[in-house]
């Protein structure tokens, strides 16, 4: 006799797989890597420091 199948477990596993595939697609389409985010953050910090260094005393 065949082993009974839990349909809820099968359905949830299928939904998880579809969700992960969708997330992977979106991360490639819209995401940026950690190195890119860190580089942007460093550039913004440097620009802010440079601007603050050029400000005069009031």
Protein backbone atom coordinates (compact mmCIF):
# COMPACT_ATOMS: atom_id res chain seq x y z
CA UNK A 1 0.00 0.00 0.00
CA UNK A 2 1.24 3.50 -0.79
CA UNK A 3 2.37 5.96 1.85
CA UNK A 4 -0.24 8.68 2.57
CA UNK A 5 0.68 12.14 1.32
CA UNK A 6 0.13 15.27 3.37
CA UNK A 7 -1.30 17.69 0.81
CA UNK A 8 -0.82 20.73 3.05
CA UNK A 9 2.89 20.00 3.37
CA UNK A 10 3.16 19.55 -0.39
CA UNK A 11 1.25 22.81 -1.06
CA UNK A 12 3.34 24.81 1.40
CA UNK A 13 6.60 23.44 0.00
CA UNK A 14 5.49 24.39 -3.50
CA UNK A 15 4.60 27.93 -2.36
CA UNK A 16 7.98 28.29 -0.62
CA UNK A 17 9.82 27.21 -3.76
CA UNK A 18 7.85 29.65 -5.92
CA UNK A 19 8.44 32.45 -3.43
CA UNK A 20 12.18 31.78 -3.34
CA UNK A 21 12.35 31.73 -7.14
CA UNK A 22 10.49 35.06 -7.27
CA UNK A 23 12.82 36.54 -4.63
CA UNK A 24 15.92 35.39 -6.53
CA UNK A 25 14.60 36.95 -9.72
CA UNK A 26 13.86 40.24 -7.96
CA UNK A 27 17.22 40.34 -6.24
CA UNK A 28 18.96 40.02 -9.59
CA UNK A 29 16.63 42.55 -11.18
CA UNK A 30 16.53 45.20 -8.45
CA UNK A 31 19.08 44.35 -5.79
CA UNK A 32 22.55 45.61 -5.21
CA UNK A 33 25.35 43.71 -3.62
CA UNK A 34 26.75 44.47 -0.21
CA UNK A 35 29.94 45.85 -1.75
CA UNK A 36 27.94 48.35 -3.82
CA UNK A 37 25.93 49.48 -0.78
CA UNK A 38 29.10 49.88 1.28
CA UNK A 39 30.78 51.86 -1.50
CA UNK A 40 27.78 54.21 -1.77
CA UNK A 41 27.73 54.68 1.99
CA UNK A 42 31.46 55.46 2.05
CA UNK A 43 31.12 57.98 -0.79
CA UNK A 44 28.24 59.75 0.97
CA UNK A 45 30.18 59.88 4.24
CA UNK A 46 33.24 61.32 2.49
CA UNK A 47 31.16 63.94 0.69
CA UNK A 48 29.55 64.93 4.01
CA UNK A 49 32.96 65.17 5.71
CA UNK A 50 34.39 67.24 2.85
CA UNK A 51 31.44 69.63 2.95
CA UNK A 52 31.69 69.99 6.72
CA UNK A 53 35.43 70.68 6.43
CA UNK A 54 34.75 73.60 4.06
CA UNK A 55 32.13 75.24 6.24
CA UNK A 56 33.31 78.32 8.01
CA UNK A 57 32.79 79.33 11.61
CA UNK A 58 29.79 81.56 12.17
